[in-house]
Amino acid sequence: MHEKLVEIKKRFAEIEKAMSEGDFLTHAKEYKKLTPIVAAFDRLLGAESDLKAARELEMTDEIEKAQQVIDTVTEELKVLSLPKDERDDSNVIVEIRPAAGGDESALFAAELLRMYNLYAASLGFKVEINDLQETGIGGIKDVSFTIIGDGAFAHFKYESGVHRVQRVPDTETQGRIHTSTCTVAVLPEVTTVDFKIEDKDLRIDTYRASGAGGQHINKTESAIRITHFPTGMVVTCQDGRSQIKNREKAMLILQTKLADHYQSVADAKYAAARKIQVGTGDRSERIRTYNFPQDRVTDHRINFTAHNLPSIMNGNISVLVDALSDADMQKKLSEG
């Protein structure tokens, strides 16, 4: 490990020199990545020096302290040296759809949307609704939204899959517990597109946006629907007042979904890499159960249970995200 860290520190010094000479933007991302590694390595070298001196002076307590620091920093460096998912810093596009359960599923979809909005706000992220289809009773038929912020994908990537809710609906007169499900898809927003979308493969329709919005919504065909014939994908966007803005956003969503589709189908290495994560992230995988009568949430991928369900539904899902991230990291370390 030392040899690799020495090379990293040498590279870090080169970057610092280049940045001091004005070439900042070119190296900013690599500088940010290497800074914590170099800082930890410096702490390790300091502790090793302290250990050597303590042994020469036969200072038992100081030997023990220095060894503890070495052990701690060594573990930290193992984590910092793990391959980083290059998508972690990306914005994300999230889609939520009711599955089994009728109206109760649609209501839970609306609660998941609120939960993710509150969690994103707690992280300082911005949320933009791309398309929202409501049921009229407070539920959601379908919603697509973008979460904008540095590290958004890292915080939301474990949410893909089937979310199951168990509770007594308000309309249930005999107190029976119902089970409903929603699907959540989380896609890293693409920044570059390495495949070509042919105009002949697209149909772009305009229509009047639905929902709240006043006279403008009712009179102007500002909403956009793009159909991609080869895959059958359909993307809609009606958030913006401008047809041009909606078209730009819809194209970005389509590019993101196609990038995920083509990688998943054509790139075996990418598919294998996803298996390293906790779960596959597939929408058909039941990942989590929200049990209201028992005030608990269980993530089935790591058999982790958290309580205080009202707090979690109010956006405090970091306890789940942190547990999943830690489990993913430990799995990578064990396979490393």
Protein backbone atom coordinates (compact mmCIF):
# COMPACT_ATOMS: atom_id res chain seq x y z
CA MET A 1 0.00 0.00 0.00
CA HIS A 2 2.86 2.39 0.82
CA GLU A 3 4.24 2.36 -2.72
CA LYS A 4 0.86 3.19 -4.18
CA LEU A 5 0.33 5.97 -1.64
CA VAL A 6 3.76 7.44 -2.38
CA GLU A 7 2.80 7.65 -6.06
CA ILE A 8 -0.51 9.29 -5.15
CA LYS A 9 1.27 11.87 -3.00
CA LYS A 10 3.71 12.57 -5.84
CA ARG A 11 0.81 13.06 -8.25
CA PHE A 12 -0.92 15.33 -5.70
CA ALA A 13 2.17 17.55 -5.53
CA GLU A 14 2.18 17.83 -9.33
CA ILE A 15 -1.47 18.86 -9.28
CA GLU A 16 -0.88 21.46 -6.57
CA LYS A 17 1.95 22.95 -8.63
CA ALA A 18 -0.17 23.09 -11.78
CA MET A 19 -3.05 24.70 -9.92
CA SER A 20 -0.77 27.28 -8.31
CA GLU A 21 0.30 28.23 -11.82
CA GLY A 22 -3.29 28.92 -12.84
CA ASP A 23 -4.42 25.59 -14.32
CA PHE A 24 -7.19 25.16 -11.76
CA LEU A 25 -10.22 23.85 -13.64
CA THR A 26 -8.34 21.03 -15.35
CA HIS A 27 -7.26 19.46 -12.05
CA ALA A 28 -10.02 20.49 -9.60
CA LYS A 29 -11.85 17.15 -9.68
CA GLU A 30 -8.70 15.04 -9.21
CA TYR A 31 -7.47 17.39 -6.48
CA LYS A 32 -10.72 16.94 -4.57
CA LYS A 33 -10.48 13.16 -4.92
CA LEU A 34 -6.86 12.87 -3.77
CA THR A 35 -6.94 15.41 -0.90
CA PRO A 36 -8.42 13.08 1.79
CA ILE A 37 -6.13 10.22 0.72
CA VAL A 38 -2.98 12.35 0.99
CA ALA A 39 -4.13 13.80 4.33
CA ALA A 40 -4.68 10.30 5.74
CA PHE A 41 -1.32 9.12 4.39
CA ASP A 42 0.41 12.06 6.12
CA ARG A 43 -1.27 11.04 9.39
CA LEU A 44 -0.08 7.46 8.84
CA LEU A 45 3.52 8.57 8.24
CA GLY A 46 3.39 10.73 11.37
CA ALA A 47 2.07 7.86 13.48
CA GLU A 48 4.72 5.49 12.12
CA SER A 49 7.40 8.03 13.03
CA ASP A 50 5.91 8.35 16.53
CA LEU A 51 5.86 4.57 16.90
CA LYS A 52 9.51 4.27 15.94
CA ALA A 53 10.54 6.95 18.43
CA ALA A 54 8.39 5.42 21.20
CA ARG A 55 9.94 2.00 20.66
CA GLU A 56 13.46 3.44 20.82
CA LEU A 57 12.59 5.08 24.15
CA GLU A 58 10.58 2.03 25.34
CA MET A 59 7.53 4.19 26.11
CA THR A 60 4.75 1.60 26.41
CA ASP A 61 1.80 4.00 26.48
CA GLU A 62 3.08 5.98 23.50
CA ILE A 63 3.70 2.77 21.55
CA GLU A 64 0.10 1.72 22.14
CA LYS A 65 -1.30 5.13 21.13
CA ALA A 66 0.75 5.27 17.94
CA GLN A 67 -0.25 1.72 16.99
CA GLN A 68 -3.94 2.58 17.49
CA VAL A 69 -3.59 5.56 15.15
CA ILE A 70 -1.82 3.40 12.56
CA ASP A 71 -4.57 0.77 12.69
CA THR A 72 -7.33 3.36 12.42
CA VAL A 73 -5.76 5.30 9.55
CA THR A 74 -4.88 2.11 7.69
CA GLU A 75 -8.55 1.09 7.69
CA GLU A 76 -9.51 4.62 6.59
CA LEU A 77 -7.06 4.41 3.69
CA LYS A 78 -8.49 1.06 2.60
CA VAL A 79 -11.91 2.70 2.32
CA LEU A 80 -10.56 5.80 0.55
CA SER A 81 -8.70 3.59 -1.92
CA LEU A 82 -11.81 1.71 -3.02
CA PRO A 83 -12.76 2.34 -6.66
CA LYS A 84 -15.19 5.24 -6.75
CA ASP A 85 -18.42 5.05 -8.68
CA GLU A 86 -17.89 7.84 -11.19
CA ARG A 87 -21.65 8.41 -11.28
CA ASP A 88 -21.86 9.28 -7.57
CA ASP A 89 -21.49 13.02 -8.16
CA SER A 90 -24.22 13.10 -10.81
CA ASN A 91 -27.67 14.59 -10.56
CA VAL A 92 -30.37 11.93 -10.56
CA ILE A 93 -33.67 11.40 -12.28
CA VAL A 94 -36.17 9.56 -10.07
CA GLU A 95 -39.39 7.94 -11.23
CA ILE A 96 -42.10 6.68 -8.88
CA ARG A 97 -45.08 4.61 -10.02
CA PRO A 98 -47.85 2.84 -8.08
CA ALA A 99 -47.87 -0.93 -8.56
CA ALA A 100 -50.15 -3.27 -6.59
CA GLY A 101 -52.78 -1.80 -4.32
CA GLY A 102 -54.95 0.63 -6.28
CA ASP A 103 -55.67 3.94 -4.54
CA GLU A 104 -53.58 2.99 -1.51
CA SER A 105 -50.56 2.44 -3.75
CA ALA A 106 -51.10 5.83 -5.42
CA LEU A 107 -51.32 7.52 -2.01
CA PHE A 108 -48.09 5.86 -0.90
CA ALA A 109 -46.39 7.01 -4.11
CA ALA A 110 -47.27 10.59 -3.11
CA GLU A 111 -45.78 9.97 0.35
CA LEU A 112 -42.56 8.62 -1.17
CA LEU A 113 -42.33 11.73 -3.35
CA ARG A 114 -42.70 13.91 -0.25
CA MET A 115 -40.14 11.81 1.65
CA TYR A 116 -37.54 12.19 -1.12
CA ASN A 117 -38.26 15.91 -1.45
CA LEU A 118 -37.63 16.45 2.26
CA TYR A 119 -34.48 14.29 2.25
CA ALA A 120 -33.11 16.16 -0.77
CA ALA A 121 -33.86 19.51 0.93
CA SER A 122 -32.00 18.39 4.06
CA LEU A 123 -28.92 17.81 1.88
CA GLY A 124 -29.22 21.19 0.21
CA PHE A 125 -30.26 19.67 -3.12
CA LYS A 126 -32.77 21.16 -5.55
CA VAL A 127 -35.74 19.15 -6.82
CA GLU A 128 -37.37 19.83 -10.21
CA ILE A 129 -40.57 18.03 -11.16
CA ASN A 130 -40.40 16.83 -14.78
CA ASP A 131 -43.82 15.26 -15.04
CA LEU A 132 -46.57 14.60 -12.50
CA GLN A 133 -49.84 12.75 -13.01
CA GLU A 134 -52.14 12.89 -9.99
CA THR A 135 -55.19 10.79 -9.08
CA GLY A 136 -57.34 13.59 -7.70
CA ILE A 137 -57.57 12.08 -4.20
CA GLY A 138 -54.07 13.06 -3.15
CA GLY A 139 -52.36 10.14 -4.86
CA ILE A 140 -49.97 9.92 -7.79
CA LYS A 141 -50.29 7.90 -10.98
CA ASP A 142 -46.79 8.67 -12.16
CA VAL A 143 -44.04 11.16 -11.31
CA SER A 144 -40.61 11.94 -12.71
CA PHE A 145 -38.33 14.44 -11.01
CA THR A 146 -34.69 15.51 -11.09
CA ILE A 147 -32.57 15.95 -7.95
CA ILE A 148 -29.78 18.44 -8.55
CA GLY A 149 -26.71 18.55 -6.32
CA ASP A 150 -23.13 17.37 -5.98
CA GLY A 151 -23.33 13.74 -4.85
CA ALA A 152 -27.05 13.29 -5.51
CA PHE A 153 -26.65 9.82 -7.05
CA ALA A 154 -24.51 8.66 -4.10
CA HIS A 155 -27.39 9.50 -1.73
CA PHE A 156 -30.24 8.09 -3.81
CA LYS A 157 -28.78 5.17 -5.78
CA TYR A 158 -29.92 2.52 -3.30
CA GLU A 159 -33.60 3.51 -3.65
CA SER A 160 -34.25 1.65 -6.94
CA GLY A 161 -36.67 -1.21 -6.54
CA VAL A 162 -40.06 -2.14 -5.14
CA HIS A 163 -41.16 -0.37 -1.95
CA ARG A 164 -43.88 -2.19 -0.01
CA VAL A 165 -46.23 -0.56 2.51
CA GLN A 166 -48.31 -2.40 5.11
CA ARG A 167 -50.99 -0.44 6.98
CA VAL A 168 -54.71 0.00 7.59
CA PRO A 169 -56.09 2.37 4.91
CA ASP A 170 -58.40 5.19 5.99
CA THR A 171 -61.18 3.58 3.96
CA GLU A 172 -60.82 0.22 5.75
CA THR A 173 -63.77 -0.13 8.15
CA GLN A 174 -62.79 -3.49 9.69
CA GLY A 175 -59.22 -2.57 10.62
CA ARG A 176 -57.57 -4.99 8.21
CA ILE A 177 -53.96 -4.39 7.16
CA HIS A 178 -53.49 -3.94 3.43
CA THR A 179 -50.25 -4.44 1.49
CA SER A 180 -49.44 -2.15 -1.44
CA THR A 181 -46.35 -1.52 -3.53
CA CYS A 182 -44.68 1.22 -5.57
CA THR A 183 -41.73 1.02 -7.93
CA VAL A 184 -38.88 3.52 -7.76
CA ALA A 185 -36.25 3.95 -10.46
CA VAL A 186 -33.12 6.07 -9.88
CA LEU A 187 -30.97 6.99 -12.88
CA PRO A 188 -27.79 9.08 -12.89
CA GLU A 189 -28.29 12.05 -15.21
CA VAL A 190 -26.04 11.77 -18.25
CA THR A 191 -23.49 14.50 -18.86
CA THR A 192 -22.16 13.07 -22.14
CA VAL A 193 -23.90 10.86 -24.65
CA ASP A 194 -21.78 8.22 -26.38
CA PHE A 195 -24.57 7.00 -28.64
CA LYS A 196 -26.52 8.78 -31.36
CA ILE A 197 -30.25 9.39 -31.26
CA GLU A 198 -31.54 9.55 -34.83
CA ASP A 199 -34.33 12.01 -35.61
CA LYS A 200 -36.12 9.29 -37.60
CA ASP A 201 -36.35 7.21 -34.40
CA LEU A 202 -38.28 9.89 -32.54
CA ARG A 203 -41.83 11.19 -32.51
CA ILE A 204 -42.28 14.46 -30.64
CA ASP A 205 -45.81 15.49 -29.69
CA THR A 206 -47.04 18.61 -27.95
CA TYR A 207 -50.13 18.78 -25.75
CA ARG A 208 -51.76 20.86 -23.09
CA ALA A 209 -50.32 20.31 -19.65
CA SER A 210 -52.65 19.03 -16.95
CA GLY A 211 -52.97 19.91 -13.31
CA ALA A 212 -52.70 23.18 -11.43
CA GLY A 213 -51.30 26.14 -13.30
CA GLY A 214 -54.09 28.51 -14.20
CA GLN A 215 -55.08 29.77 -17.62
CA HIS A 216 -51.60 29.34 -19.13
CA ILE A 217 -51.69 25.59 -18.58
CA ASN A 218 -55.15 25.29 -20.09
CA LYS A 219 -54.53 27.34 -23.24
CA THR A 220 -50.92 26.60 -24.24
CA GLU A 221 -49.62 23.33 -25.67
CA SER A 222 -46.34 23.57 -23.75
CA ALA A 223 -46.09 19.93 -22.62
CA ILE A 224 -43.85 17.57 -24.59
CA ARG A 225 -44.05 13.83 -25.21
CA ILE A 226 -41.13 12.08 -26.92
CA THR A 227 -41.45 8.50 -28.17
CA HIS A 228 -38.29 6.52 -29.03
CA PHE A 229 -39.35 3.86 -31.54
CA PRO A 230 -36.43 1.37 -31.24
CA THR A 231 -36.95 0.88 -27.49
CA GLY A 232 -40.56 1.96 -27.11
CA MET A 233 -39.57 4.45 -24.41
CA VAL A 234 -41.93 7.38 -23.85
CA VAL A 235 -40.81 10.49 -21.96
CA THR A 236 -43.07 13.38 -21.00
CA CYS A 237 -42.29 16.77 -19.51
CA GLN A 238 -44.78 19.48 -18.60
CA ASP A 239 -43.12 21.28 -15.71
CA GLY A 240 -41.87 24.36 -17.54
CA ARG A 241 -44.04 27.09 -19.05
CA SER A 242 -41.90 27.07 -22.18
CA GLN A 243 -42.28 24.39 -24.85
CA ILE A 244 -38.58 24.81 -25.65
CA LYS A 245 -37.54 24.23 -22.03
CA ASN A 246 -39.79 21.19 -21.74
CA ARG A 247 -38.35 19.76 -24.96
CA GLU A 248 -34.76 20.25 -23.73
CA LYS A 249 -35.54 18.58 -20.42
CA ALA A 250 -37.45 15.72 -22.05
CA MET A 251 -34.50 15.03 -24.38
CA LEU A 252 -32.11 14.96 -21.41
CA ILE A 253 -34.37 12.49 -19.59
CA LEU A 254 -34.58 10.33 -22.71
CA GLN A 255 -30.78 10.36 -23.09
CA THR A 256 -30.41 9.36 -19.45
CA LYS A 257 -32.87 6.48 -19.74
CA LEU A 258 -31.34 5.27 -23.02
CA ALA A 259 -27.84 5.41 -21.54
CA ASP A 260 -29.00 3.21 -18.65
CA HIS A 261 -30.83 0.88 -21.05
CA TYR A 262 -27.95 0.39 -23.48
CA GLN A 263 -25.40 -0.07 -20.72
CA SER A 264 -27.55 -2.62 -18.91
CA VAL A 265 -28.21 -4.61 -22.06
CA ALA A 266 -24.92 -4.39 -23.94
CA ASP A 267 -22.22 -3.99 -21.31
CA ALA A 268 -21.66 -7.18 -19.33
CA LYS A 269 -18.97 -5.53 -17.22
CA TYR A 270 -21.34 -2.80 -16.17
CA ALA A 271 -23.98 -5.36 -15.26
CA ALA A 272 -21.43 -7.27 -13.17
CA ALA A 273 -20.33 -4.07 -11.45
CA ARG A 274 -23.90 -3.36 -10.39
CA LYS A 275 -24.00 -6.74 -8.65
CA ILE A 276 -21.23 -5.51 -6.36
CA GLN A 277 -23.63 -2.93 -4.97
CA VAL A 278 -26.13 -3.91 -2.31
CA GLY A 279 -28.84 -5.52 -4.41
CA THR A 280 -29.10 -5.10 -8.14
CA GLY A 281 -31.09 -1.88 -8.20
CA ASP A 282 -33.62 -3.63 -10.42
CA ARG A 283 -37.13 -2.24 -10.13
CA SER A 284 -38.61 -5.74 -9.81
CA GLU A 285 -36.62 -6.41 -6.65
CA ARG A 286 -38.56 -5.88 -3.41
CA ILE A 287 -36.10 -3.85 -1.42
CA ARG A 288 -37.98 -2.38 1.53
CA THR A 289 -41.11 -2.74 3.65
CA TYR A 290 -42.75 0.13 5.54
CA ASN A 291 -44.87 -1.46 8.29
CA PHE A 292 -47.00 1.24 9.92
CA PRO A 293 -48.73 -0.88 12.63
CA GLN A 294 -45.32 -2.02 13.91
CA ASP A 295 -43.64 1.38 13.39
CA ARG A 296 -40.73 -0.08 11.46
CA VAL A 297 -38.96 -0.03 8.11
CA THR A 298 -37.02 -3.10 7.00
CA ASP A 299 -34.54 -3.10 4.14
CA HIS A 300 -34.50 -6.68 2.90
CA ARG A 301 -31.18 -6.43 1.04
CA ILE A 302 -29.19 -6.14 4.25
CA ASN A 303 -31.84 -7.29 6.75
CA PHE A 304 -31.72 -3.89 8.46
CA THR A 305 -34.65 -2.55 10.49
CA ALA A 306 -35.21 1.02 11.66
CA HIS A 307 -38.03 2.36 13.81
CA ASN A 308 -39.70 5.79 14.17
CA LEU A 309 -41.50 5.45 10.85
CA PRO A 310 -43.09 8.95 10.99
CA SER A 311 -39.61 10.50 11.14
CA ILE A 312 -38.46 8.43 8.16
CA MET A 313 -41.51 9.43 6.11
CA ASN A 314 -40.61 13.03 6.96
CA GLY A 315 -37.38 12.65 5.01
CA ASN A 316 -35.03 11.37 7.70
CA ILE A 317 -33.87 8.37 5.68
CA SER A 318 -30.14 8.84 6.29
CA VAL A 319 -30.22 5.94 8.78
CA LEU A 320 -31.22 3.65 5.89
CA VAL A 321 -28.89 5.22 3.33
CA ASP A 322 -25.92 5.06 5.70
CA ALA A 323 -26.60 1.40 6.56
CA LEU A 324 -26.78 0.48 2.86
CA SER A 325 -23.65 2.47 2.03
CA ASP A 326 -21.73 0.83 4.88
CA ALA A 327 -22.86 -2.64 3.81
CA ASP A 328 -21.85 -1.93 0.21
CA MET A 329 -18.44 -0.70 1.35
CA GLN A 330 -17.86 -3.73 3.59
CA LYS A 331 -18.77 -6.06 0.74
CA LYS A 332 -16.30 -4.33 -1.58
CA LEU A 333 -13.58 -4.49 1.08
CA SER A 334 -14.15 -8.22 1.59
CA GLU A 335 -14.00 -8.81 -2.16
CA GLY A 336 -11.03 -6.47 -2.56
